[in-house]
């Protein structure tokens, strides 16, 4: 059975703030909508499900990120996840220029959790805490001779 990854969906506190962060990093908004109704209640398993959502896509057209903000029921605030917690860990992006990506992230108040690492001279990478506490990995492949 062939299988492909369609998208990763993340609930956010403020949809516009999250869209601004990810579009500044280079993703494009494919569309925005509000979703509700019996079909959504069934699919999600939550009565009265009503969200504002946006679908974003990476420039290469292969990666999609669905962001949604709950209108009903009220969103439940939780402590942002830590890298060693079970569950959704992070969303990762390859970037051409890590320093430029970090400047963009900083304009949104998002900074590395600890610093920038060098993985075996193959990648420079870091985790930043993005909008709504989302952990975002940014990685730049280093030139190989």
N, C-alpha and C. Protein backbone atom coordinates (compact mmCIF):
# COMPACT_ATOMS: atom_id res chain seq x y z
N UNK A 1 0.84 -1.18 0.00
CA UNK A 1 0.00 0.00 0.00
C UNK A 1 0.88 1.25 0.00
N UNK A 2 0.81 2.09 -1.02
CA UNK A 2 1.60 3.33 -1.02
C UNK A 2 1.04 4.31 0.02
N UNK A 3 1.91 5.05 0.63
CA UNK A 3 1.49 6.06 1.61
C UNK A 3 2.38 7.28 1.45
N UNK A 4 1.77 8.45 1.59
CA UNK A 4 2.52 9.70 1.57
C UNK A 4 2.08 10.54 2.76
N UNK A 5 2.95 11.39 3.22
CA UNK A 5 2.62 12.31 4.30
C UNK A 5 1.96 13.53 3.67
N UNK A 6 0.73 13.83 4.06
CA UNK A 6 0.02 14.96 3.50
C UNK A 6 0.37 16.25 4.23
N UNK A 7 0.25 16.25 5.56
CA UNK A 7 0.57 17.45 6.32
C UNK A 7 0.72 17.12 7.79
N UNK A 8 1.25 18.06 8.51
CA UNK A 8 1.30 18.03 9.97
C UNK A 8 0.43 19.18 10.44
N UNK A 9 -0.47 18.90 11.38
CA UNK A 9 -1.38 19.93 11.89
C UNK A 9 -1.01 20.30 13.32
N UNK A 10 -1.06 21.59 13.61
CA UNK A 10 -0.70 22.08 14.93
C UNK A 10 -1.73 23.12 15.37
N UNK A 11 -2.28 22.92 16.57
CA UNK A 11 -3.17 23.91 17.17
C UNK A 11 -2.33 25.07 17.70
N UNK A 12 -2.77 26.28 17.41
CA UNK A 12 -2.02 27.47 17.84
C UNK A 12 -2.94 28.40 18.62
N UNK A 13 -2.32 29.25 19.41
CA UNK A 13 -3.03 30.23 20.23
C UNK A 13 -3.55 31.37 19.35
N UNK A 14 -2.74 31.79 18.38
CA UNK A 14 -3.06 32.94 17.54
C UNK A 14 -2.69 32.58 16.10
N UNK A 15 -3.69 32.34 15.27
CA UNK A 15 -3.46 31.88 13.90
C UNK A 15 -2.67 32.90 13.09
N UNK A 16 -3.02 34.17 13.18
CA UNK A 16 -2.30 35.19 12.40
C UNK A 16 -0.84 35.28 12.80
N UNK A 17 -0.55 35.19 14.09
CA UNK A 17 0.83 35.23 14.57
C UNK A 17 1.62 34.04 14.02
N UNK A 18 1.03 32.86 14.06
CA UNK A 18 1.71 31.66 13.56
C UNK A 18 1.93 31.74 12.05
N UNK A 19 0.92 32.22 11.32
CA UNK A 19 1.07 32.37 9.86
C UNK A 19 2.20 33.34 9.56
N UNK A 20 2.25 34.46 10.26
CA UNK A 20 3.30 35.46 10.02
C UNK A 20 4.69 34.84 10.23
N UNK A 21 4.86 34.06 11.29
CA UNK A 21 6.15 33.43 11.58
C UNK A 21 6.55 32.49 10.45
N UNK A 22 5.66 31.57 10.09
CA UNK A 22 6.02 30.55 9.10
C UNK A 22 6.13 31.12 7.68
N UNK A 23 5.33 32.13 7.34
CA UNK A 23 5.48 32.73 6.00
C UNK A 23 6.75 33.56 5.92
N UNK A 24 7.15 34.19 7.02
CA UNK A 24 8.42 34.91 7.02
C UNK A 24 9.59 33.95 6.82
N UNK A 25 9.45 32.71 7.30
CA UNK A 25 10.50 31.71 7.08
C UNK A 25 10.50 31.18 5.65
N UNK A 26 9.42 31.44 4.90
CA UNK A 26 9.40 31.05 3.49
C UNK A 26 8.24 30.17 3.06
N UNK A 27 7.39 29.73 3.99
CA UNK A 27 6.23 28.94 3.60
C UNK A 27 5.19 29.85 2.95
N UNK A 28 4.35 29.29 2.11
CA UNK A 28 3.29 30.04 1.44
C UNK A 28 1.94 29.55 1.93
N UNK A 29 1.02 30.48 2.08
CA UNK A 29 -0.35 30.12 2.48
C UNK A 29 -1.08 29.61 1.25
N UNK A 30 -1.54 28.36 1.32
CA UNK A 30 -2.34 27.79 0.23
C UNK A 30 -3.80 28.19 0.36
N UNK A 31 -4.25 28.36 1.59
CA UNK A 31 -5.64 28.74 1.81
C UNK A 31 -5.96 28.87 3.28
N UNK A 32 -7.05 29.58 3.54
CA UNK A 32 -7.56 29.75 4.91
C UNK A 32 -9.04 29.45 4.88
N UNK A 33 -9.56 28.97 6.01
CA UNK A 33 -10.97 28.63 6.07
C UNK A 33 -11.37 28.50 7.53
N UNK A 34 -12.68 28.43 7.76
CA UNK A 34 -13.19 28.00 9.05
C UNK A 34 -13.87 26.67 8.82
N UNK A 35 -13.71 25.78 9.77
CA UNK A 35 -14.20 24.42 9.63
C UNK A 35 -15.09 24.09 10.81
N UNK A 36 -16.27 23.53 10.50
CA UNK A 36 -17.21 23.11 11.54
C UNK A 36 -18.25 22.21 10.91
N UNK A 37 -19.02 21.58 11.74
CA UNK A 37 -20.11 20.74 11.27
C UNK A 37 -19.96 19.30 11.74
N UNK A 38 -21.00 18.52 11.45
CA UNK A 38 -21.03 17.13 11.91
C UNK A 38 -19.85 16.34 11.38
N UNK A 39 -19.46 16.57 10.12
CA UNK A 39 -18.34 15.83 9.56
C UNK A 39 -17.06 16.11 10.34
N UNK A 40 -16.86 17.39 10.74
CA UNK A 40 -15.66 17.75 11.49
C UNK A 40 -15.70 17.15 12.89
N UNK A 41 -16.89 17.15 13.52
CA UNK A 41 -17.04 16.52 14.84
C UNK A 41 -16.65 15.05 14.76
N UNK A 42 -17.11 14.38 13.70
CA UNK A 42 -16.82 12.96 13.53
C UNK A 42 -15.35 12.72 13.27
N UNK A 43 -14.77 13.47 12.35
CA UNK A 43 -13.37 13.27 11.98
C UNK A 43 -12.42 13.52 13.16
N UNK A 44 -12.68 14.60 13.90
CA UNK A 44 -11.78 15.01 14.97
C UNK A 44 -12.13 14.31 16.29
N UNK A 45 -13.38 13.89 16.43
CA UNK A 45 -13.80 13.25 17.68
C UNK A 45 -14.07 14.24 18.79
N UNK A 46 -14.59 15.41 18.41
CA UNK A 46 -14.82 16.48 19.38
C UNK A 46 -16.12 17.18 19.02
N UNK A 47 -17.13 17.10 19.89
CA UNK A 47 -18.41 17.73 19.61
C UNK A 47 -18.29 19.25 19.58
N UNK A 48 -18.94 19.86 18.60
CA UNK A 48 -18.91 21.31 18.47
C UNK A 48 -17.60 21.84 17.93
N UNK A 49 -16.82 21.00 17.31
CA UNK A 49 -15.52 21.39 16.75
C UNK A 49 -15.71 22.54 15.76
N UNK A 50 -15.03 23.65 16.00
CA UNK A 50 -15.09 24.82 15.12
C UNK A 50 -13.72 25.50 15.19
N UNK A 51 -13.02 25.54 14.06
CA UNK A 51 -11.69 26.13 14.03
C UNK A 51 -11.52 27.06 12.85
N UNK A 52 -10.61 28.01 13.01
CA UNK A 52 -10.09 28.79 11.89
C UNK A 52 -8.78 28.11 11.54
N UNK A 53 -8.56 27.86 10.26
CA UNK A 53 -7.36 27.12 9.87
C UNK A 53 -6.71 27.72 8.64
N UNK A 54 -5.44 27.37 8.49
CA UNK A 54 -4.68 27.76 7.30
C UNK A 54 -3.78 26.60 6.91
N UNK A 55 -3.66 26.38 5.61
CA UNK A 55 -2.74 25.37 5.09
C UNK A 55 -1.57 26.10 4.46
N UNK A 56 -0.36 25.77 4.90
CA UNK A 56 0.86 26.37 4.37
C UNK A 56 1.67 25.30 3.67
N UNK A 57 2.51 25.75 2.75
CA UNK A 57 3.32 24.80 1.98
C UNK A 57 4.75 25.32 1.85
N UNK A 58 5.69 24.40 1.88
CA UNK A 58 7.09 24.76 1.67
C UNK A 58 7.31 25.13 0.21
N UNK A 59 8.34 25.93 -0.09
CA UNK A 59 8.57 26.36 -1.47
C UNK A 59 8.77 25.22 -2.46
N UNK A 60 9.28 24.07 -2.00
CA UNK A 60 9.49 22.94 -2.92
C UNK A 60 8.20 22.18 -3.22
N UNK A 61 7.12 22.53 -2.52
CA UNK A 61 5.82 21.91 -2.76
C UNK A 61 5.63 20.56 -2.11
N UNK A 62 6.60 20.08 -1.34
CA UNK A 62 6.51 18.75 -0.75
C UNK A 62 5.99 18.74 0.68
N UNK A 63 6.19 19.80 1.43
CA UNK A 63 5.80 19.82 2.83
C UNK A 63 4.63 20.76 3.08
N UNK A 64 3.67 20.28 3.85
CA UNK A 64 2.53 21.13 4.21
C UNK A 64 2.36 21.15 5.72
N UNK A 65 1.98 22.32 6.21
CA UNK A 65 1.76 22.54 7.62
C UNK A 65 0.37 23.14 7.78
N UNK A 66 -0.50 22.45 8.52
CA UNK A 66 -1.84 22.97 8.79
C UNK A 66 -1.82 23.59 10.18
N UNK A 67 -2.20 24.84 10.26
CA UNK A 67 -2.29 25.55 11.53
C UNK A 67 -3.75 25.81 11.81
N UNK A 68 -4.17 25.59 13.05
CA UNK A 68 -5.57 25.87 13.37
C UNK A 68 -5.70 26.46 14.75
N UNK A 69 -6.67 27.38 14.88
CA UNK A 69 -6.99 28.06 16.13
C UNK A 69 -8.44 27.71 16.48
N UNK A 70 -8.64 27.19 17.68
CA UNK A 70 -9.98 26.79 18.10
C UNK A 70 -10.87 28.00 18.38
N UNK A 71 -12.05 27.96 17.79
CA UNK A 71 -13.11 28.91 18.10
C UNK A 71 -14.02 28.28 19.15
N UNK A 72 -14.31 26.98 18.96
CA UNK A 72 -15.10 26.20 19.92
C UNK A 72 -14.71 24.75 19.83
N UNK A 73 -14.62 24.03 20.88
CA UNK A 73 -14.61 24.54 22.26
C UNK A 73 -13.35 25.36 22.51
N UNK A 74 -13.31 25.99 23.68
CA UNK A 74 -12.14 26.79 24.01
C UNK A 74 -10.88 25.94 23.94
N UNK A 75 -9.82 26.56 23.45
CA UNK A 75 -8.52 25.89 23.43
C UNK A 75 -8.05 25.67 24.86
N UNK A 76 -7.31 24.61 25.07
CA UNK A 76 -6.77 24.30 26.40
C UNK A 76 -5.29 24.64 26.39
N UNK A 77 -4.91 25.59 27.22
CA UNK A 77 -3.50 25.97 27.34
C UNK A 77 -2.77 24.87 28.10
N UNK A 78 -1.63 24.47 27.59
CA UNK A 78 -0.77 23.51 28.27
C UNK A 78 0.63 24.07 28.32
N UNK A 79 1.43 23.49 29.16
CA UNK A 79 2.83 23.87 29.21
C UNK A 79 3.48 23.44 27.90
N UNK A 80 4.28 24.31 27.28
CA UNK A 80 4.93 23.89 26.04
C UNK A 80 5.74 22.61 26.25
N UNK A 81 5.73 21.74 25.24
CA UNK A 81 6.46 20.49 25.36
C UNK A 81 7.96 20.74 25.45
N UNK A 82 8.62 19.78 26.06
CA UNK A 82 10.07 19.81 26.13
C UNK A 82 10.59 18.77 25.15
N UNK A 83 11.83 18.91 24.70
CA UNK A 83 12.36 17.98 23.71
C UNK A 83 12.30 16.50 24.10
N UNK A 84 12.29 16.18 25.39
CA UNK A 84 12.30 14.78 25.80
C UNK A 84 10.93 14.24 26.20
N UNK A 85 9.85 14.98 25.92
CA UNK A 85 8.51 14.51 26.25
C UNK A 85 7.94 13.64 25.14
N UNK A 86 7.15 12.67 25.54
CA UNK A 86 6.48 11.79 24.59
C UNK A 86 5.38 12.59 23.88
N UNK A 87 5.21 12.37 22.59
CA UNK A 87 4.18 13.06 21.83
C UNK A 87 4.80 13.88 20.72
N UNK A 88 4.05 14.82 20.21
CA UNK A 88 4.53 15.68 19.13
C UNK A 88 5.81 16.35 19.59
N UNK A 89 6.87 16.15 18.84
CA UNK A 89 8.17 16.65 19.28
C UNK A 89 8.49 18.02 18.68
N UNK A 90 8.55 18.07 17.36
CA UNK A 90 8.94 19.31 16.71
C UNK A 90 8.59 19.23 15.24
N UNK A 91 8.63 20.38 14.59
CA UNK A 91 8.54 20.43 13.14
C UNK A 91 9.90 20.94 12.66
N UNK A 92 10.46 20.31 11.62
CA UNK A 92 11.82 20.63 11.18
C UNK A 92 11.82 21.17 9.76
N UNK A 93 12.68 22.15 9.53
CA UNK A 93 12.82 22.75 8.21
C UNK A 93 14.30 22.82 7.84
N UNK A 94 14.60 22.51 6.60
CA UNK A 94 15.93 22.75 6.03
C UNK A 94 15.93 24.16 5.49
N UNK A 95 16.98 24.90 5.79
CA UNK A 95 17.10 26.28 5.31
C UNK A 95 18.46 26.44 4.62
N UNK A 96 18.52 27.36 3.69
CA UNK A 96 19.78 27.63 2.99
C UNK A 96 20.74 28.45 3.84
N UNK A 97 20.18 29.28 4.72
CA UNK A 97 21.00 30.20 5.52
C UNK A 97 20.44 30.23 6.94
N UNK A 98 21.05 29.48 7.84
CA UNK A 98 20.56 29.39 9.21
C UNK A 98 20.59 30.74 9.90
N UNK A 99 21.63 31.51 9.70
CA UNK A 99 21.72 32.82 10.36
C UNK A 99 20.57 33.73 9.92
N UNK A 100 20.25 33.72 8.64
CA UNK A 100 19.13 34.53 8.14
C UNK A 100 17.81 34.03 8.74
N UNK A 101 17.64 32.72 8.82
CA UNK A 101 16.41 32.15 9.41
C UNK A 101 16.30 32.54 10.89
N UNK A 102 17.41 32.54 11.59
CA UNK A 102 17.39 32.93 13.01
C UNK A 102 17.08 34.42 13.19
N UNK A 103 17.53 35.24 12.25
CA UNK A 103 17.17 36.67 12.30
C UNK A 103 15.66 36.84 12.13
N UNK A 104 15.07 36.08 11.21
CA UNK A 104 13.62 36.13 11.00
C UNK A 104 12.91 35.66 12.27
N UNK A 105 13.35 34.53 12.82
CA UNK A 105 12.73 34.01 14.04
C UNK A 105 12.81 35.02 15.17
N UNK A 106 13.95 35.68 15.31
CA UNK A 106 14.15 36.67 16.38
C UNK A 106 13.18 37.83 16.25
N UNK A 107 12.85 38.22 15.02
CA UNK A 107 11.88 39.30 14.83
C UNK A 107 10.51 38.92 15.37
N UNK A 108 10.27 37.63 15.52
CA UNK A 108 9.02 37.13 16.09
C UNK A 108 9.18 36.76 17.57
N UNK A 109 10.31 37.13 18.16
CA UNK A 109 10.56 36.83 19.56
C UNK A 109 10.93 35.37 19.81
N UNK A 110 11.40 34.68 18.77
CA UNK A 110 11.73 33.26 18.87
C UNK A 110 13.24 33.07 18.77
N UNK A 111 13.81 32.42 19.77
CA UNK A 111 15.26 32.28 19.86
C UNK A 111 15.64 30.83 20.13
N UNK A 112 16.88 30.46 19.82
CA UNK A 112 17.32 29.09 20.09
C UNK A 112 17.11 28.70 21.55
N UNK A 113 16.74 27.43 21.77
CA UNK A 113 16.57 26.95 23.13
C UNK A 113 17.90 26.99 23.88
N UNK A 114 19.00 26.69 23.18
CA UNK A 114 20.30 26.71 23.82
C UNK A 114 21.36 27.38 22.96
N UNK A 115 21.40 27.11 21.70
CA UNK A 115 22.42 27.67 20.82
C UNK A 115 22.37 26.96 19.48
N UNK A 116 23.37 27.18 18.67
CA UNK A 116 23.46 26.53 17.36
C UNK A 116 24.50 25.42 17.45
N UNK A 117 24.11 24.23 17.01
CA UNK A 117 24.99 23.06 17.08
C UNK A 117 25.55 22.74 15.70
N UNK A 118 26.69 22.07 15.71
CA UNK A 118 27.29 21.58 14.48
C UNK A 118 27.29 20.06 14.57
N UNK A 119 26.54 19.42 13.67
CA UNK A 119 26.46 17.97 13.65
C UNK A 119 27.44 17.41 12.63
N UNK A 120 28.58 16.95 13.12
CA UNK A 120 29.60 16.27 12.33
C UNK A 120 30.00 17.03 11.05
N UNK A 121 29.99 18.34 11.12
CA UNK A 121 30.31 19.19 9.97
C UNK A 121 29.43 18.91 8.76
N UNK A 122 28.24 18.35 9.01
CA UNK A 122 27.27 18.09 7.95
C UNK A 122 26.13 19.10 8.03
N UNK A 123 25.69 19.42 9.26
CA UNK A 123 24.60 20.37 9.47
C UNK A 123 24.92 21.32 10.60
N UNK A 124 24.49 22.56 10.45
CA UNK A 124 24.35 23.50 11.57
C UNK A 124 22.87 23.50 11.87
N UNK A 125 22.51 23.33 13.14
CA UNK A 125 21.08 23.25 13.46
C UNK A 125 20.79 23.76 14.85
N UNK A 126 19.54 24.10 15.05
CA UNK A 126 19.08 24.57 16.35
C UNK A 126 17.58 24.35 16.47
N UNK A 127 17.11 24.32 17.70
CA UNK A 127 15.68 24.32 18.00
C UNK A 127 15.33 25.72 18.51
N UNK A 128 14.24 26.29 17.99
CA UNK A 128 13.70 27.54 18.53
C UNK A 128 12.30 27.27 19.05
N UNK A 129 11.89 28.06 20.00
CA UNK A 129 10.52 27.98 20.51
C UNK A 129 9.71 28.97 19.69
N UNK A 130 8.85 28.45 18.81
CA UNK A 130 8.07 29.28 17.91
C UNK A 130 6.77 29.74 18.53
N UNK A 131 5.86 30.27 17.72
CA UNK A 131 4.56 30.73 18.22
C UNK A 131 3.83 29.59 18.93
N UNK A 132 3.09 29.93 19.97
CA UNK A 132 2.31 28.98 20.76
C UNK A 132 3.18 27.88 21.37
N UNK A 133 4.48 28.14 21.50
CA UNK A 133 5.37 27.18 22.13
C UNK A 133 5.84 26.06 21.24
N UNK A 134 5.54 26.11 19.94
CA UNK A 134 5.93 25.06 19.00
C UNK A 134 7.45 25.00 18.92
N UNK A 135 8.00 23.80 19.03
CA UNK A 135 9.44 23.64 18.83
C UNK A 135 9.67 23.51 17.32
N UNK A 136 10.52 24.38 16.79
CA UNK A 136 10.84 24.40 15.36
C UNK A 136 12.34 24.16 15.21
N UNK A 137 12.70 23.12 14.48
CA UNK A 137 14.11 22.88 14.19
C UNK A 137 14.45 23.53 12.85
N UNK A 138 15.54 24.25 12.83
CA UNK A 138 16.07 24.86 11.61
C UNK A 138 17.44 24.27 11.38
N UNK A 139 17.67 23.75 10.18
CA UNK A 139 18.94 23.09 9.88
C UNK A 139 19.48 23.56 8.53
N UNK A 140 20.75 23.89 8.50
CA UNK A 140 21.44 24.28 7.28
C UNK A 140 22.47 23.19 6.96
N UNK A 141 22.37 22.63 5.77
CA UNK A 141 23.37 21.64 5.35
C UNK A 141 24.65 22.38 4.98
N UNK A 142 25.75 21.90 5.52
CA UNK A 142 27.04 22.52 5.24
C UNK A 142 27.60 21.97 3.94
N UNK A 143 28.32 22.79 3.24
CA UNK A 143 28.90 22.37 1.94
C UNK A 143 29.85 21.22 2.17
N UNK A 144 29.73 20.22 1.33
CA UNK A 144 30.61 19.06 1.39
C UNK A 144 31.56 19.09 0.21
N UNK A 145 32.84 18.89 0.49
CA UNK A 145 33.84 18.90 -0.59
C UNK A 145 33.97 17.52 -1.21
